[in-house]
Amino acid sequence: MHNFMEFERVYRHGDVLLFKVAETGVTAHVKERTKKLTLELGEVTGHSHQLAGDVEVLDSPVEKDQLLFRVTDQAVLTHEEHERIVLEKGVYLKVSQVEYDPFQDLIVRIRD
C-alpha cells in the first residue's frame, strides 16, 4: 500500500484538498478514463468542482470521500466561486475538508 503522507504539493480549492503524491510505488489499476470528472458536488449550492483534461480514476483502497486519480497530461480544476487551478501530470489524492462540531462531538464533512 502506498504511503500518501509523502506528497509533493497541496492544492486547496474551496472545501476540496488535493495532494500531489509521489507516483513511485502507486500500484493502483485504472478504473476509468475520462476527460471530465466531478470531484465534489455542492449539496447546498449545487456548484461543483470540475476537472477537465485527460484523467484516469484509479482503483485504490482510500478512505470514504477520497479519490485517487492520475492526470496524464494536464487538467484544469474549475468551480463557480474559485479561481481555476491547472494540475500538471501526476497522481493526486482528493480529500474533502472536515471540521469538528463540538456541540455534537462529531467530525463532519464541510458542505458547500
Protein backbone atom coordinates (compact mmCIF):
# COMPACT_ATOMS: atom_id res chain seq x y z
CA MET A 1 0.00 0.00 0.00
CA HIS A 2 1.25 3.47 -0.86
CA ASN A 3 2.17 5.96 1.86
CA PHE A 4 0.08 9.00 0.92
CA MET A 5 1.78 11.05 3.63
CA GLU A 6 4.61 11.59 1.14
CA PHE A 7 3.29 14.35 -1.08
CA GLU A 8 4.94 16.84 -3.40
CA ARG A 9 2.37 19.64 -3.30
CA VAL A 10 -1.00 20.55 -1.78
CA TYR A 11 -3.79 22.43 -3.53
CA ARG A 12 -6.87 23.88 -1.79
CA HIS A 13 -9.92 24.55 -3.92
CA GLY A 14 -12.66 25.64 -1.53
CA ASP A 15 -13.62 22.61 0.55
CA VAL A 16 -11.55 20.24 -1.61
CA LEU A 17 -7.92 19.43 -0.85
CA LEU A 18 -5.68 17.85 -3.48
CA PHE A 19 -2.38 16.24 -2.59
CA LYS A 20 0.03 15.60 -5.45
CA VAL A 21 1.61 12.33 -4.33
CA ALA A 22 4.83 10.70 -5.43
CA GLU A 23 3.94 8.35 -8.27
CA THR A 24 6.67 5.93 -7.25
CA GLY A 25 5.04 2.95 -5.60
CA VAL A 26 1.46 3.70 -6.72
CA THR A 27 0.25 0.30 -7.87
CA ALA A 28 -3.44 1.07 -8.35
CA HIS A 29 -5.13 -0.01 -11.57
CA VAL A 30 -7.04 2.33 -13.86
CA LYS A 31 -10.76 2.07 -13.09
CA GLU A 32 -11.95 4.73 -15.54
CA ARG A 33 -10.53 7.09 -18.17
CA THR A 34 -12.33 10.38 -18.67
CA LYS A 35 -11.97 13.93 -19.99
CA LYS A 36 -14.30 15.42 -17.34
CA LEU A 37 -14.51 14.46 -13.68
CA THR A 38 -16.66 15.91 -10.90
CA LEU A 39 -14.50 15.91 -7.77
CA GLU A 40 -17.16 17.33 -5.45
CA LEU A 41 -20.76 18.47 -5.84
CA GLY A 42 -22.13 21.17 -3.53
CA GLU A 43 -25.09 19.86 -1.53
CA VAL A 44 -26.27 23.37 -0.67
CA THR A 45 -25.32 25.49 -3.70
CA GLY A 46 -25.29 22.91 -6.48
CA HIS A 47 -21.87 24.22 -7.52
CA SER A 48 -19.25 21.66 -8.42
CA HIS A 49 -15.50 21.18 -8.57
CA GLN A 50 -14.95 20.02 -12.17
CA LEU A 51 -11.72 18.63 -13.55
CA ALA A 52 -11.27 18.85 -17.34
CA GLY A 53 -8.41 17.07 -19.09
CA ASP A 54 -7.00 13.59 -19.55
CA VAL A 55 -7.71 11.88 -16.23
CA GLU A 56 -7.55 8.28 -15.01
CA VAL A 57 -9.54 7.37 -11.91
CA LEU A 58 -7.52 4.79 -10.01
CA ASP A 59 -8.85 1.79 -8.11
CA SER A 60 -7.20 2.20 -4.73
CA PRO A 61 -8.08 1.43 -1.10
CA VAL A 62 -8.51 5.04 0.05
CA GLU A 63 -10.93 6.28 2.69
CA LYS A 64 -14.56 7.23 2.05
CA ASP A 65 -14.87 10.68 0.42
CA GLN A 66 -11.35 10.34 -1.00
CA LEU A 67 -10.38 9.74 -4.60
CA LEU A 68 -7.09 8.77 -6.19
CA PHE A 69 -6.61 9.87 -9.79
CA ARG A 70 -3.86 10.42 -12.35
CA VAL A 71 -3.58 13.42 -14.66
CA THR A 72 -1.89 12.03 -17.78
CA ASP A 73 -1.05 15.36 -19.42
CA GLN A 74 -2.59 18.45 -17.84
CA ALA A 75 -6.01 19.21 -16.36
CA VAL A 76 -7.87 22.31 -15.21
CA LEU A 77 -9.91 22.40 -11.99
CA THR A 78 -12.83 24.85 -12.01
CA HIS A 79 -15.63 25.96 -9.69
CA GLU A 80 -18.16 28.78 -9.90
CA GLU A 81 -16.71 30.59 -6.85
CA HIS A 82 -12.97 29.80 -7.03
CA GLU A 83 -10.03 30.56 -9.28
CA ARG A 84 -9.14 27.81 -11.69
CA ILE A 85 -6.15 25.61 -10.90
CA VAL A 86 -4.01 23.93 -13.54
CA LEU A 87 -2.83 20.48 -12.48
CA GLU A 88 0.28 19.10 -14.11
CA LYS A 89 0.86 15.45 -14.98
CA GLY A 90 0.93 13.25 -11.88
CA VAL A 91 -1.05 11.32 -9.26
CA TYR A 92 -3.39 13.19 -6.92
CA LEU A 93 -5.36 12.29 -3.82
CA LYS A 94 -8.62 14.24 -3.36
CA VAL A 95 -9.70 14.73 0.25
CA SER A 96 -12.85 16.50 1.40
CA GLN A 97 -12.31 19.01 4.19
CA VAL A 98 -13.80 18.18 7.56
CA GLU A 99 -14.47 20.15 10.72
CA TYR A 100 -15.18 19.34 14.34
CA ASP A 101 -18.65 20.09 15.72
CA PRO A 102 -18.13 20.47 19.50
CA PHE A 103 -21.88 20.59 20.20
CA GLN A 104 -22.48 17.16 18.69
CA ASP A 105 -18.95 15.88 19.36
CA LEU A 106 -18.68 14.86 15.70
CA ILE A 107 -16.29 15.32 12.84
CA VAL A 108 -18.36 16.35 9.82
CA ARG A 109 -17.55 17.00 6.18
CA ILE A 110 -17.76 20.66 5.20
CA ARG A 111 -20.77 21.26 2.98
CA ASP A 112 -20.65 23.63 0.04
